[in-house]
Each structure stands twice: as C-alpha cells, then as structure tokens.
Amino acid sequence: MAKQMGFYIIAGRCVECHACEVACKELNNVALGIHWRKVQNHWDGEFPNPTNINMSSACMHCRKPACLEVCPTHAITKRAEDGIVVVNQSECIGCRACGSACPYGVPQYGHDSKMQKCNLCLERLENGKEPVCVSTCPGEALGFGPVEEFAKSAAGKLAVRLEGDTKPSFFVVGSSIGPKPEVFIDTFFKRL
C-alpha cells in the first residue's frame, strides 16, 4: 500500500455542534437514523475531578479491516493506493457479518439492508477537496491525511493512535483527555 489515509480529532476543539454529522448526511444522502459519522459526549471520573470530551468518529479505515475479512461476497475492499475501505453496494447481500465483526460499530444498514459507511468522501478527495466533515467543522477539530504523517508529528506531543487488532487509522490529539489518554481512548471506543 502506497499510503494509509485516516482521520484525527483534536480533543477539546469539538463543541458537539454535529455540523460534521449533518454535512455528511446531506452530501451522501444518508437516511434518518443512519450515521456514517457520530458525535458523542463522554463524561468520566468523579467529583472533584470529572472529565468531559466530545468525540466525532466515523469509519476507521483500518489497516486490517475485520469487516473485509468476514464479508462473504467480497463487497468490502481496501484500496491499495490510499487504504480507504469501500463498500460495493451491488455486491452486498445484507448479511450483517461486517456489523458483528467491526469493533467500532461502524457498519450502518439502510432500508435495503445493505451496508453503508464513510468512504472518506472519495469523490471529493479525487477532486482535490477535503472530506466534508473536515471542511465543515467550525472548531477545526477534525483532520485527515496520511497516517504516517500523523505518527511523525505526534512524536513528543500528546497524541494517541487508537489501538486494536484491526489497526485503525485514527488519532486523538490534545491534552484535554487526561493523564492517560490511551486509557480514555480504549474506554470511549468500547462504548460505541
């Protein structure tokens, strides 16, 4: 694979406005009740030291996507040139094996029962534009690009890559996630 594209979020900048969710739904004509991108609020800890963070998440475009491994029709593929995980709706049979396999709750199912999810706004990327969630975020909390660049720039900073067997392409940057950000990240994503 030439490079692996992914998302990052700067913790503390997300104000839970849901603009990224709305822009994604509008651009992709996503039906009500289905979320390719989700904004959630998480409280942790106890008085006098509670923590609160808003998190916007979508498909993690994993290096080893569990959804791809279990798809019986090979409707899910991973692009060699950028690592984006895509779904061919005409090949999907709606078996929902991908939903059971994904540790992040990403696969969504429309009225036709076929799987759908974020494709990192592939058409926009091919036209030199950012994913709509990134360009819409008023707090500039979301970003995207080659994961390798995030890893290099994260050196010496408080940045955490979401870990897991699927090797998700998602980073959280910022000090507002507490003294042990890896614990917070693991806890947050296990709730999804």
C-alpha atoms as a PDB file:
ATOM      1  CA  MET A   1       0.000   0.000   0.000  1.00  0.00           C
ATOM      2  CA  ALA A   2       1.379   3.395  -1.006  1.00  0.00           C
ATOM      3  CA  LYS A   3      -0.058   5.243   1.997  1.00  0.00           C
ATOM      4  CA  GLN A   4      -2.792   4.874   4.582  1.00  0.00           C
ATOM      5  CA  MET A   5      -5.288   7.706   4.851  1.00  0.00           C
ATOM      6  CA  GLY A   6      -7.138   8.314   8.089  1.00  0.00           C
ATOM      7  CA  PHE A   7      -8.759  10.839  10.416  1.00  0.00           C
ATOM      8  CA  TYR A   8      -7.598  12.657  13.501  1.00  0.00           C
ATOM      9  CA  ILE A   9      -9.508  14.716  16.033  1.00  0.00           C
ATOM     10  CA  ILE A  10      -8.060  17.446  18.210  1.00  0.00           C
ATOM     11  CA  ALA A  11      -9.526  16.807  21.632  1.00  0.00           C
ATOM     12  CA  GLY A  12     -11.064  19.857  23.222  1.00  0.00           C
ATOM     13  CA  ARG A  13     -11.960  21.559  19.942  1.00  0.00           C
ATOM     14  CA  CYS A  14     -15.126  19.575  19.264  1.00  0.00           C
ATOM     15  CA  VAL A  15     -18.077  21.571  20.645  1.00  0.00           C
ATOM     16  CA  GLU A  16     -20.662  18.861  19.906  1.00  0.00           C
ATOM     17  CA  CYS A  17     -22.404  21.009  17.274  1.00  0.00           C
ATOM     18  CA  HIS A  18     -22.964  17.987  14.994  1.00  0.00           C
ATOM     19  CA  ALA A  19     -22.096  20.025  11.866  1.00  0.00           C
ATOM     20  CA  CYS A  20     -19.874  17.165  10.650  1.00  0.00           C
ATOM     21  CA  GLU A  21     -22.752  14.680  11.028  1.00  0.00           C
ATOM     22  CA  VAL A  22     -25.215  16.929   9.209  1.00  0.00           C
ATOM     23  CA  ALA A  23     -22.796  17.719   6.354  1.00  0.00           C
ATOM     24  CA  CYS A  24     -22.025  14.015   5.897  1.00  0.00           C
ATOM     25  CA  LYS A  25     -25.718  13.088   5.839  1.00  0.00           C
ATOM     26  CA  GLU A  26     -26.514  15.852   3.353  1.00  0.00           C
ATOM     27  CA  LEU A  27     -23.637  15.130   0.954  1.00  0.00           C
ATOM     28  CA  ASN A  28     -24.203  11.376   0.947  1.00  0.00           C
ATOM     29  CA  ASN A  29     -28.000  11.440   1.138  1.00  0.00           C
ATOM     30  CA  VAL A  30     -27.902   9.303   4.285  1.00  0.00           C
ATOM     31  CA  ALA A  31     -31.347   8.331   5.598  1.00  0.00           C
ATOM     32  CA  LEU A  32     -32.663   9.334   9.011  1.00  0.00           C
ATOM     33  CA  GLY A  33     -31.490   7.051  11.792  1.00  0.00           C
ATOM     34  CA  ILE A  34     -28.295   6.109   9.954  1.00  0.00           C
ATOM     35  CA  HIS A  35     -24.993   7.729  10.914  1.00  0.00           C
ATOM     36  CA  TRP A  36     -21.824   7.494   8.848  1.00  0.00           C
ATOM     37  CA  ARG A  37     -20.287   9.921  11.352  1.00  0.00           C
ATOM     38  CA  LYS A  38     -21.280  10.112  15.023  1.00  0.00           C
ATOM     39  CA  VAL A  39     -20.670  12.824  17.592  1.00  0.00           C
ATOM     40  CA  GLN A  40     -20.860  11.655  21.179  1.00  0.00           C
ATOM     41  CA  ASN A  41     -20.225  13.170  24.575  1.00  0.00           C
ATOM     42  CA  HIS A  42     -18.395  11.245  27.280  1.00  0.00           C
ATOM     43  CA  TRP A  43     -18.095  12.033  30.975  1.00  0.00           C
ATOM     44  CA  ASP A  44     -15.701  10.121  33.197  1.00  0.00           C
ATOM     45  CA  GLY A  45     -14.311  10.324  36.689  1.00  0.00           C
ATOM     46  CA  GLU A  46     -15.839  11.619  39.889  1.00  0.00           C
ATOM     47  CA  PHE A  47     -16.066  14.917  41.708  1.00  0.00           C
ATOM     48  CA  PRO A  48     -13.867  16.885  42.138  1.00  0.00           C
ATOM     49  CA  ASN A  49     -12.009  15.690  39.017  1.00  0.00           C
ATOM     50  CA  PRO A  50     -14.511  14.721  36.344  1.00  0.00           C
ATOM     51  CA  THR A  51     -13.519  14.771  32.686  1.00  0.00           C
ATOM     52  CA  ASN A  52     -15.684  15.524  29.684  1.00  0.00           C
ATOM     53  CA  ILE A  53     -14.901  15.175  26.000  1.00  0.00           C
ATOM     54  CA  ASN A  54     -16.808  15.289  22.749  1.00  0.00           C
ATOM     55  CA  MET A  55     -15.723  12.849  20.089  1.00  0.00           C
ATOM     56  CA  SER A  56     -16.588  12.693  16.405  1.00  0.00           C
ATOM     57  CA  SER A  57     -15.918   9.334  14.800  1.00  0.00           C
ATOM     58  CA  ALA A  58     -16.556   7.524  11.539  1.00  0.00           C
ATOM     59  CA  CYS A  59     -15.075   4.532   9.746  1.00  0.00           C
ATOM     60  CA  MET A  60     -11.521   3.991  10.956  1.00  0.00           C
ATOM     61  CA  HIS A  61     -10.309   2.767   7.531  1.00  0.00           C
ATOM     62  CA  CYS A  62      -8.365   0.090   9.378  1.00  0.00           C
ATOM     63  CA  ARG A  63      -5.158  -1.430   8.043  1.00  0.00           C
ATOM     64  CA  LYS A  64      -6.638  -4.870   8.791  1.00  0.00           C
ATOM     65  CA  PRO A  65     -10.402  -4.326   8.482  1.00  0.00           C
ATOM     66  CA  ALA A  66     -12.384  -7.015  10.291  1.00  0.00           C
ATOM     67  CA  CYS A  67     -15.404  -6.171   8.126  1.00  0.00           C
ATOM     68  CA  LEU A  68     -13.465  -7.049   4.966  1.00  0.00           C
ATOM     69  CA  GLU A  69     -12.284 -10.357   6.387  1.00  0.00           C
ATOM     70  CA  VAL A  70     -15.795 -11.634   7.098  1.00  0.00           C
ATOM     71  CA  CYS A  71     -17.655 -10.364   4.019  1.00  0.00           C
ATOM     72  CA  PRO A  72     -18.819 -13.481   2.122  1.00  0.00           C
ATOM     73  CA  THR A  73     -19.319 -11.646  -1.189  1.00  0.00           C
ATOM     74  CA  HIS A  74     -16.146  -9.509  -1.076  1.00  0.00           C
ATOM     75  CA  ALA A  75     -18.323  -6.377  -1.258  1.00  0.00           C
ATOM     76  CA  ILE A  76     -15.868  -4.635   1.083  1.00  0.00           C
ATOM     77  CA  THR A  77     -12.452  -3.786  -0.306  1.00  0.00           C
ATOM     78  CA  LYS A  78      -9.420  -1.766   0.733  1.00  0.00           C
ATOM     79  CA  ARG A  79      -7.928   0.494  -1.906  1.00  0.00           C
ATOM     80  CA  ALA A  80      -4.222  -0.203  -2.453  1.00  0.00           C
ATOM     81  CA  GLU A  81      -3.351   3.414  -3.285  1.00  0.00           C
ATOM     82  CA  ASP A  82      -4.660   5.029  -0.084  1.00  0.00           C
ATOM     83  CA  GLY A  83      -6.032   2.351   2.271  1.00  0.00           C
ATOM     84  CA  ILE A  84      -9.600   3.651   2.132  1.00  0.00           C
ATOM     85  CA  VAL A  85     -12.120   0.906   2.918  1.00  0.00           C
ATOM     86  CA  VAL A  86     -15.059   0.985   0.489  1.00  0.00           C
ATOM     87  CA  VAL A  87     -18.306  -0.944   0.043  1.00  0.00           C
ATOM     88  CA  ASN A  88     -19.698  -2.061  -3.293  1.00  0.00           C
ATOM     89  CA  GLN A  89     -23.434  -1.888  -2.589  1.00  0.00           C
ATOM     90  CA  SER A  90     -24.310  -4.016  -5.613  1.00  0.00           C
ATOM     91  CA  GLU A  91     -22.282  -6.904  -4.137  1.00  0.00           C
ATOM     92  CA  CYS A  92     -23.587  -6.573  -0.566  1.00  0.00           C
ATOM     93  CA  ILE A  93     -26.226  -9.154   0.403  1.00  0.00           C
ATOM     94  CA  GLY A  94     -27.115  -7.546   3.742  1.00  0.00           C
ATOM     95  CA  CYS A  95     -25.938 -10.464   5.875  1.00  0.00           C
ATOM     96  CA  ARG A  96     -24.599  -8.081   8.575  1.00  0.00           C
ATOM     97  CA  ALA A  97     -21.493 -10.160   9.253  1.00  0.00           C
ATOM     98  CA  CYS A  98     -19.484  -6.929   8.941  1.00  0.00           C
ATOM     99  CA  GLY A  99     -21.536  -5.330  11.714  1.00  0.00           C
ATOM    100  CA  SER A 100     -20.741  -8.164  14.085  1.00  0.00           C
ATOM    101  CA  ALA A 101     -17.043  -8.094  13.186  1.00  0.00           C
ATOM    102  CA  CYS A 102     -16.383  -4.334  13.435  1.00  0.00           C
ATOM    103  CA  PRO A 103     -15.212  -3.434  16.961  1.00  0.00           C
ATOM    104  CA  TYR A 104     -16.244   0.227  16.461  1.00  0.00           C
ATOM    105  CA  GLY A 105     -19.882  -0.150  15.410  1.00  0.00           C
ATOM    106  CA  VAL A 106     -19.236   1.482  12.031  1.00  0.00           C
ATOM    107  CA  PRO A 107     -21.398  -0.510   9.572  1.00  0.00           C
ATOM    108  CA  GLN A 108     -24.838   1.004   9.054  1.00  0.00           C
ATOM    109  CA  TYR A 109     -27.732  -0.592   7.215  1.00  0.00           C
ATOM    110  CA  GLY A 110     -30.233   1.218   5.040  1.00  0.00           C
ATOM    111  CA  HIS A 111     -33.822   0.331   4.223  1.00  0.00           C
ATOM    112  CA  ASP A 112     -32.472  -2.112   1.622  1.00  0.00           C
ATOM    113  CA  SER A 113     -30.482  -3.853   4.446  1.00  0.00           C
ATOM    114  CA  LYS A 114     -27.197  -3.253   2.594  1.00  0.00           C
ATOM    115  CA  MET A 115     -24.165  -1.992   4.468  1.00  0.00           C
ATOM    116  CA  GLN A 116     -23.095   1.610   4.104  1.00  0.00           C
ATOM    117  CA  LYS A 117     -20.440   3.734   5.793  1.00  0.00           C
ATOM    118  CA  CYS A 118     -17.972   6.593   5.429  1.00  0.00           C
ATOM    119  CA  ASN A 119     -15.720   6.383   2.377  1.00  0.00           C
ATOM    120  CA  LEU A 120     -13.627   9.420   3.384  1.00  0.00           C
ATOM    121  CA  CYS A 121     -15.578  11.431   0.768  1.00  0.00           C
ATOM    122  CA  LEU A 122     -13.750   9.648  -2.026  1.00  0.00           C
ATOM    123  CA  GLU A 123     -15.259  11.790  -4.802  1.00  0.00           C
ATOM    124  CA  ARG A 124     -14.218  14.975  -3.016  1.00  0.00           C
ATOM    125  CA  LEU A 125     -10.680  13.635  -2.462  1.00  0.00           C
ATOM    126  CA  GLU A 126     -10.378  12.789  -6.150  1.00  0.00           C
ATOM    127  CA  ASN A 127     -11.287  16.429  -6.898  1.00  0.00           C
ATOM    128  CA  GLY A 128      -8.663  17.804  -4.511  1.00  0.00           C
ATOM    129  CA  LYS A 129     -11.100  18.626  -1.691  1.00  0.00           C
ATOM    130  CA  GLU A 130     -11.215  17.618   1.962  1.00  0.00           C
ATOM    131  CA  PRO A 131     -13.852  15.264   3.351  1.00  0.00           C
ATOM    132  CA  VAL A 132     -16.990  17.317   4.021  1.00  0.00           C
ATOM    133  CA  CYS A 133     -16.875  16.618   7.774  1.00  0.00           C
ATOM    134  CA  VAL A 134     -13.393  18.160   7.946  1.00  0.00           C
ATOM    135  CA  SER A 135     -14.211  21.247   5.868  1.00  0.00           C
ATOM    136  CA  THR A 136     -17.460  21.853   7.791  1.00  0.00           C
ATOM    137  CA  CYS A 137     -16.119  21.632  11.357  1.00  0.00           C
ATOM    138  CA  PRO A 138     -16.275  25.174  12.826  1.00  0.00           C
ATOM    139  CA  GLY A 139     -13.779  24.326  15.577  1.00  0.00           C
ATOM    140  CA  GLU A 140     -11.284  22.764  13.153  1.00  0.00           C
ATOM    141  CA  ALA A 141     -11.355  19.692  15.380  1.00  0.00           C
ATOM    142  CA  LEU A 142     -11.265  17.169  12.525  1.00  0.00           C
ATOM    143  CA  GLY A 143      -8.461  16.491  10.103  1.00  0.00           C
ATOM    144  CA  PHE A 144      -7.407  13.792   7.688  1.00  0.00           C
ATOM    145  CA  GLY A 145      -4.379  12.707   5.728  1.00  0.00           C
ATOM    146  CA  PRO A 146      -1.680  10.045   5.625  1.00  0.00           C
ATOM    147  CA  VAL A 147      -1.474   8.298   8.994  1.00  0.00           C
ATOM    148  CA  GLU A 148       2.302   8.127   8.725  1.00  0.00           C
ATOM    149  CA  GLU A 149       2.410  11.953   8.847  1.00  0.00           C
ATOM    150  CA  PHE A 150       0.253  11.996  12.000  1.00  0.00           C
ATOM    151  CA  ALA A 151       2.604   9.499  13.633  1.00  0.00           C
ATOM    152  CA  LYS A 152       5.672  11.646  12.853  1.00  0.00           C
ATOM    153  CA  SER A 153       4.057  14.876  14.043  1.00  0.00           C
ATOM    154  CA  ALA A 154       2.738  13.126  17.167  1.00  0.00           C
ATOM    155  CA  ALA A 155       6.267  12.428  18.393  1.00  0.00           C
ATOM    156  CA  GLY A 156       6.816  14.477  21.549  1.00  0.00           C
ATOM    157  CA  LYS A 157       3.173  15.593  21.694  1.00  0.00           C
ATOM    158  CA  LEU A 158       0.160  14.214  23.460  1.00  0.00           C
ATOM    159  CA  ALA A 159      -1.298  12.227  20.579  1.00  0.00           C
ATOM    160  CA  VAL A 160      -2.690   8.755  20.719  1.00  0.00           C
ATOM    161  CA  ARG A 161      -3.407   6.363  17.909  1.00  0.00           C
ATOM    162  CA  LEU A 162      -6.433   4.224  18.513  1.00  0.00           C
ATOM    163  CA  GLU A 163      -5.049   0.731  19.015  1.00  0.00           C
ATOM    164  CA  GLY A 164      -6.621  -2.589  18.211  1.00  0.00           C
ATOM    165  CA  ASP A 165      -6.272  -5.785  16.237  1.00  0.00           C
ATOM    166  CA  THR A 166      -7.701  -4.057  13.151  1.00  0.00           C
ATOM    167  CA  LYS A 167      -5.012  -1.309  13.230  1.00  0.00           C
ATOM    168  CA  PRO A 168      -7.467   1.625  12.961  1.00  0.00           C
ATOM    169  CA  SER A 169      -6.305   4.765  11.147  1.00  0.00           C
ATOM    170  CA  PHE A 170      -7.472   7.240  13.783  1.00  0.00           C
ATOM    171  CA  PHE A 171      -5.566   9.601  16.086  1.00  0.00           C
ATOM    172  CA  VAL A 172      -6.685  11.739  19.017  1.00  0.00           C
ATOM    173  CA  VAL A 173      -4.548  14.808  19.696  1.00  0.00           C
ATOM    174  CA  GLY A 174      -4.714  17.076  22.732  1.00  0.00           C
ATOM    175  CA  SER A 175      -4.169  17.331  26.438  1.00  0.00           C
ATOM    176  CA  SER A 176      -7.819  17.524  27.480  1.00  0.00           C
ATOM    177  CA  ILE A 177      -8.139  13.748  27.538  1.00  0.00           C
ATOM    178  CA  GLY A 178      -6.320  13.426  30.839  1.00  0.00           C
ATOM    179  CA  PRO A 179      -3.018  11.997  32.033  1.00  0.00           C
ATOM    180  CA  LYS A 180      -3.552   8.574  30.442  1.00  0.00           C
ATOM    181  CA  PRO A 181      -5.083   9.271  27.032  1.00  0.00           C
ATOM    182  CA  GLU A 182      -4.706   5.685  25.833  1.00  0.00           C
ATOM    183  CA  VAL A 183      -6.964   4.501  28.673  1.00  0.00           C
ATOM    184  CA  PHE A 184      -9.583   7.118  27.783  1.00  0.00           C
ATOM    185  CA  ILE A 185      -9.484   6.222  24.076  1.00  0.00           C
ATOM    186  CA  ASP A 186      -9.877   2.499  24.771  1.00  0.00           C
ATOM    187  CA  THR A 187     -12.745   3.168  27.185  1.00  0.00           C
ATOM    188  CA  PHE A 188     -14.531   5.553  24.830  1.00  0.00           C
ATOM    189  CA  PHE A 189     -14.440   3.319  21.776  1.00  0.00           C
ATOM    190  CA  LYS A 190     -15.503   0.221  23.706  1.00  0.00           C
ATOM    191  CA  ARG A 191     -18.744   2.098  24.492  1.00  0.00           C
ATOM    192  CA  LEU A 192     -19.719   2.523  20.835  1.00  0.00           C
END
